């Protein structure tokens, strides 16, 4: 099954900031799945491999939908959002800075 997509992506360049526009374009292309598709089409994929991949993707989609539904119904706690800490060194074993040296 060949899916033909006619996509028109528009990215506006504001204040001659091309770097920001490129970042936005890359993000849109990644969300659309273009990079994944290019990587997948780089080499020939046997029909048996394609079926196995599609089966795994379908299982992943079903599990994600079930997880989202459980979160909406309150059966499962939503994942915690990591908030960035600005100006404060992190405290813990993975910290690059030792608090005693400061």
N, C-alpha and C. Protein backbone atom coordinates (compact mmCIF):
# COMPACT_ATOMS: atom_id res chain seq x y z
N UNK A 1 0.84 -1.17 0.00
CA UNK A 1 0.00 0.00 0.00
C UNK A 1 0.90 1.24 0.00
N UNK A 2 0.74 2.05 -1.00
CA UNK A 2 1.55 3.25 -1.15
C UNK A 2 0.72 4.45 -0.75
N UNK A 3 1.20 5.19 0.22
CA UNK A 3 0.50 6.39 0.67
C UNK A 3 1.17 7.61 0.05
N UNK A 4 0.42 8.34 -0.69
CA UNK A 4 0.96 9.56 -1.28
C UNK A 4 0.48 10.74 -0.45
N UNK A 5 1.42 11.53 -0.02
CA UNK A 5 1.08 12.68 0.82
C UNK A 5 1.40 13.95 0.06
N UNK A 6 0.45 14.82 0.03
CA UNK A 6 0.69 16.15 -0.53
C UNK A 6 0.74 17.11 0.64
N UNK A 7 1.94 17.31 1.13
CA UNK A 7 2.12 18.16 2.30
C UNK A 7 2.63 19.53 1.88
N UNK A 8 2.06 20.50 2.49
CA UNK A 8 2.56 21.86 2.29
C UNK A 8 2.90 22.38 3.68
N UNK A 9 4.17 22.42 3.96
CA UNK A 9 4.63 22.94 5.23
C UNK A 9 5.10 24.37 5.03
N UNK A 10 4.62 25.23 5.87
CA UNK A 10 5.04 26.64 5.80
C UNK A 10 5.72 27.00 7.10
N UNK A 11 6.87 27.60 6.94
CA UNK A 11 7.61 28.10 8.09
C UNK A 11 7.96 29.55 7.79
N UNK A 12 7.56 30.41 8.66
CA UNK A 12 7.81 31.83 8.46
C UNK A 12 9.11 32.24 9.15
N UNK A 13 9.90 33.02 8.46
CA UNK A 13 11.15 33.53 9.02
C UNK A 13 10.85 34.91 9.59
N UNK A 14 11.04 35.03 10.90
CA UNK A 14 10.76 36.30 11.56
C UNK A 14 12.06 37.00 11.91
N UNK A 15 12.14 38.24 11.64
CA UNK A 15 13.31 39.07 11.97
C UNK A 15 14.60 38.49 11.41
N UNK A 16 14.55 37.93 10.21
CA UNK A 16 15.71 37.33 9.55
C UNK A 16 16.39 36.27 10.40
N UNK A 17 15.63 35.59 11.25
CA UNK A 17 16.17 34.55 12.12
C UNK A 17 15.98 33.20 11.43
N UNK A 18 16.91 32.85 10.55
CA UNK A 18 16.82 31.63 9.77
C UNK A 18 17.05 30.40 10.65
N UNK A 19 17.92 30.51 11.66
CA UNK A 19 18.21 29.37 12.53
C UNK A 19 16.95 28.92 13.24
N UNK A 20 16.17 29.86 13.73
CA UNK A 20 14.92 29.51 14.43
C UNK A 20 13.94 28.87 13.45
N UNK A 21 13.86 29.39 12.23
CA UNK A 21 12.96 28.82 11.24
C UNK A 21 13.37 27.40 10.88
N UNK A 22 14.69 27.14 10.80
CA UNK A 22 15.16 25.78 10.51
C UNK A 22 14.80 24.83 11.65
N UNK A 23 14.94 25.28 12.89
CA UNK A 23 14.57 24.44 14.02
C UNK A 23 13.09 24.08 13.97
N UNK A 24 12.27 25.06 13.65
CA UNK A 24 10.83 24.83 13.57
C UNK A 24 10.51 23.86 12.43
N UNK A 25 11.19 24.03 11.29
CA UNK A 25 10.97 23.13 10.16
C UNK A 25 11.37 21.70 10.52
N UNK A 26 12.52 21.52 11.16
CA UNK A 26 12.95 20.18 11.56
C UNK A 26 11.95 19.54 12.51
N UNK A 27 11.42 20.34 13.44
CA UNK A 27 10.46 19.82 14.40
C UNK A 27 9.18 19.38 13.68
N UNK A 28 8.72 20.17 12.71
CA UNK A 28 7.52 19.81 11.95
C UNK A 28 7.74 18.54 11.14
N UNK A 29 8.91 18.43 10.51
CA UNK A 29 9.21 17.24 9.72
C UNK A 29 9.32 16.01 10.60
N UNK A 30 9.88 16.17 11.79
CA UNK A 30 10.00 15.04 12.69
C UNK A 30 8.63 14.59 13.18
N UNK A 31 7.77 15.54 13.52
CA UNK A 31 6.42 15.19 13.95
C UNK A 31 5.65 14.49 12.84
N UNK A 32 5.91 14.88 11.61
CA UNK A 32 5.22 14.28 10.48
C UNK A 32 5.72 12.87 10.19
N UNK A 33 6.90 12.53 10.70
CA UNK A 33 7.44 11.19 10.49
C UNK A 33 8.27 11.07 9.24
N UNK A 34 8.69 12.20 8.67
CA UNK A 34 9.46 12.15 7.43
C UNK A 34 10.83 11.52 7.63
N UNK A 35 11.52 11.86 8.71
CA UNK A 35 12.85 11.31 8.94
C UNK A 35 12.78 9.79 9.13
N UNK A 36 11.75 9.33 9.86
CA UNK A 36 11.58 7.90 10.07
C UNK A 36 11.34 7.19 8.74
N UNK A 37 10.52 7.80 7.90
CA UNK A 37 10.22 7.20 6.59
C UNK A 37 11.46 7.16 5.70
N UNK A 38 12.25 8.21 5.72
CA UNK A 38 13.47 8.23 4.90
C UNK A 38 14.43 7.14 5.37
N UNK A 39 14.60 7.02 6.68
CA UNK A 39 15.47 5.99 7.22
C UNK A 39 14.96 4.59 6.85
N UNK A 40 13.64 4.42 6.87
CA UNK A 40 13.05 3.12 6.56
C UNK A 40 13.21 2.77 5.09
N UNK A 41 13.13 3.76 4.22
CA UNK A 41 13.22 3.52 2.78
C UNK A 41 14.66 3.50 2.26
N UNK A 42 15.61 3.72 3.13
CA UNK A 42 17.01 3.75 2.70
C UNK A 42 17.42 2.43 2.08
N UNK A 43 16.92 1.33 2.60
CA UNK A 43 17.25 0.00 2.08
C UNK A 43 15.94 -0.76 1.85
N UNK A 44 16.01 -1.80 1.03
CA UNK A 44 14.84 -2.61 0.74
C UNK A 44 14.38 -3.34 1.99
N UNK A 45 13.07 -3.37 2.16
CA UNK A 45 12.48 -4.06 3.30
C UNK A 45 11.66 -5.23 2.78
N UNK A 46 12.03 -6.42 3.21
CA UNK A 46 11.32 -7.61 2.76
C UNK A 46 9.88 -7.58 3.26
N UNK A 47 8.96 -8.18 2.51
CA UNK A 47 7.55 -8.17 2.95
C UNK A 47 7.36 -8.77 4.35
N UNK A 48 8.11 -9.81 4.69
CA UNK A 48 7.97 -10.40 6.02
C UNK A 48 8.45 -9.42 7.10
N UNK A 49 9.52 -8.68 6.81
CA UNK A 49 10.02 -7.67 7.76
C UNK A 49 9.01 -6.54 7.91
N UNK A 50 8.40 -6.17 6.79
CA UNK A 50 7.41 -5.09 6.82
C UNK A 50 6.21 -5.48 7.68
N UNK A 51 5.74 -6.73 7.51
CA UNK A 51 4.60 -7.19 8.31
C UNK A 51 4.94 -7.22 9.79
N UNK A 52 6.15 -7.69 10.11
CA UNK A 52 6.57 -7.73 11.51
C UNK A 52 6.66 -6.33 12.09
N UNK A 53 7.21 -5.38 11.32
CA UNK A 53 7.33 -4.00 11.79
C UNK A 53 5.96 -3.38 12.00
N UNK A 54 5.05 -3.59 11.04
CA UNK A 54 3.70 -3.03 11.16
C UNK A 54 2.96 -3.63 12.35
N UNK A 55 3.19 -4.90 12.63
CA UNK A 55 2.56 -5.54 13.78
C UNK A 55 3.05 -4.92 15.08
N UNK A 56 4.36 -4.71 15.18
CA UNK A 56 4.93 -4.09 16.37
C UNK A 56 4.40 -2.66 16.53
N UNK A 57 4.31 -1.91 15.43
CA UNK A 57 3.79 -0.54 15.49
C UNK A 57 2.34 -0.53 15.94
N UNK A 58 1.54 -1.49 15.44
CA UNK A 58 0.13 -1.56 15.82
C UNK A 58 -0.01 -1.86 17.31
N UNK A 59 0.81 -2.78 17.82
CA UNK A 59 0.77 -3.11 19.25
C UNK A 59 1.15 -1.89 20.08
N UNK A 60 2.17 -1.15 19.62
CA UNK A 60 2.60 0.05 20.33
C UNK A 60 1.49 1.10 20.35
N UNK A 61 0.79 1.26 19.21
CA UNK A 61 -0.32 2.22 19.15
C UNK A 61 -1.44 1.85 20.10
N UNK A 62 -1.80 0.57 20.14
CA UNK A 62 -2.89 0.11 21.01
C UNK A 62 -2.53 0.32 22.47
N UNK A 63 -1.29 -0.03 22.83
CA UNK A 63 -0.86 0.16 24.22
C UNK A 63 -0.86 1.62 24.61
N UNK A 64 -0.42 2.49 23.70
CA UNK A 64 -0.39 3.92 23.99
C UNK A 64 -1.81 4.45 24.18
N UNK A 65 -2.73 4.02 23.31
CA UNK A 65 -4.12 4.46 23.42
C UNK A 65 -4.73 3.99 24.74
N UNK A 66 -4.45 2.74 25.14
CA UNK A 66 -4.97 2.22 26.40
C UNK A 66 -4.39 2.98 27.59
N UNK A 67 -3.09 3.30 27.51
CA UNK A 67 -2.45 4.05 28.59
C UNK A 67 -3.06 5.45 28.71
N UNK A 68 -3.28 6.11 27.57
CA UNK A 68 -3.87 7.46 27.59
C UNK A 68 -5.29 7.41 28.15
N UNK A 69 -6.06 6.39 27.77
CA UNK A 69 -7.42 6.25 28.27
C UNK A 69 -7.42 6.03 29.78
N UNK A 70 -6.51 5.19 30.26
CA UNK A 70 -6.42 4.94 31.70
C UNK A 70 -6.01 6.21 32.44
N UNK A 71 -5.14 7.02 31.86
CA UNK A 71 -4.74 8.28 32.49
C UNK A 71 -5.93 9.24 32.55
N UNK A 72 -6.71 9.29 31.46
CA UNK A 72 -7.86 10.20 31.44
C UNK A 72 -8.91 9.78 32.47
N UNK A 73 -9.08 8.46 32.66
CA UNK A 73 -10.08 7.97 33.60
C UNK A 73 -9.58 7.98 35.04
N UNK A 74 -8.30 8.27 35.23
CA UNK A 74 -7.74 8.36 36.57
C UNK A 74 -7.29 7.04 37.14
N UNK A 75 -7.22 6.00 36.33
CA UNK A 75 -6.78 4.69 36.82
C UNK A 75 -5.28 4.62 36.98
N UNK A 76 -4.56 5.39 36.18
CA UNK A 76 -3.10 5.42 36.21
C UNK A 76 -2.67 6.87 36.37
N UNK A 77 -1.69 7.09 37.21
CA UNK A 77 -1.19 8.45 37.41
C UNK A 77 -0.50 8.95 36.15
N UNK A 78 -0.66 10.21 35.85
CA UNK A 78 0.01 10.81 34.70
C UNK A 78 1.50 10.88 34.97
N UNK A 79 2.32 10.83 33.91
CA UNK A 79 3.76 10.92 34.13
C UNK A 79 4.14 12.29 34.69
N UNK A 80 5.14 12.28 35.56
CA UNK A 80 5.59 13.53 36.16
C UNK A 80 6.34 14.36 35.14
N UNK A 81 6.11 15.64 35.17
CA UNK A 81 6.77 16.56 34.26
C UNK A 81 8.01 17.09 34.96
N UNK A 82 9.16 16.91 34.32
CA UNK A 82 10.40 17.42 34.89
C UNK A 82 10.51 18.90 34.56
N UNK A 83 10.54 19.70 35.58
CA UNK A 83 10.65 21.14 35.39
C UNK A 83 12.12 21.54 35.51
N UNK A 84 12.60 22.38 34.60
CA UNK A 84 14.01 22.78 34.68
C UNK A 84 14.25 23.69 35.88
N UNK A 85 15.41 23.51 36.48
CA UNK A 85 15.77 24.37 37.60
C UNK A 85 16.84 25.34 37.11
N UNK A 86 16.53 26.60 37.15
CA UNK A 86 17.43 27.62 36.66
C UNK A 86 18.20 28.23 37.81
N UNK A 87 19.54 28.28 37.67
CA UNK A 87 20.36 28.96 38.64
C UNK A 87 20.70 28.15 39.88
N UNK A 88 20.16 26.93 39.99
CA UNK A 88 20.45 26.12 41.17
C UNK A 88 21.18 24.86 40.71
N UNK A 89 22.28 24.52 41.35
CA UNK A 89 22.94 23.26 41.00
C UNK A 89 22.11 22.09 41.49
N UNK A 90 22.12 21.01 40.74
CA UNK A 90 21.35 19.84 41.14
C UNK A 90 22.07 19.14 42.29
N UNK A 91 21.31 18.57 43.19
CA UNK A 91 21.87 17.88 44.34
C UNK A 91 21.63 16.40 44.13
N UNK A 92 22.69 15.62 44.17
CA UNK A 92 22.55 14.17 44.00
C UNK A 92 23.85 13.58 43.52
N UNK A 93 23.87 12.25 43.40
CA UNK A 93 25.12 11.59 43.02
C UNK A 93 25.54 11.90 41.59
N UNK A 94 24.62 12.30 40.73
CA UNK A 94 24.98 12.58 39.35
C UNK A 94 25.41 14.03 39.13
N UNK A 95 25.44 14.79 40.21
CA UNK A 95 25.81 16.19 40.10
C UNK A 95 27.27 16.34 39.72
N UNK A 96 27.56 17.25 38.80
CA UNK A 96 28.94 17.48 38.39
C UNK A 96 29.71 18.28 39.43
N UNK A 97 29.00 19.03 40.24
CA UNK A 97 29.65 19.88 41.21
C UNK A 97 29.43 19.33 42.60
N UNK A 98 30.44 19.38 43.38
CA UNK A 98 30.35 18.94 44.76
C UNK A 98 29.96 20.16 45.60
N UNK A 99 28.95 20.00 46.42
CA UNK A 99 28.46 21.15 47.20
C UNK A 99 29.51 21.64 48.20
N UNK A 100 30.41 20.77 48.68
CA UNK A 100 31.41 21.17 49.65
C UNK A 100 32.44 22.11 49.03
N UNK A 101 32.66 21.98 47.72
CA UNK A 101 33.67 22.81 47.06
C UNK A 101 33.16 24.21 46.81
N UNK A 102 31.88 24.43 46.86
CA UNK A 102 31.32 25.75 46.56
C UNK A 102 31.41 26.68 47.71
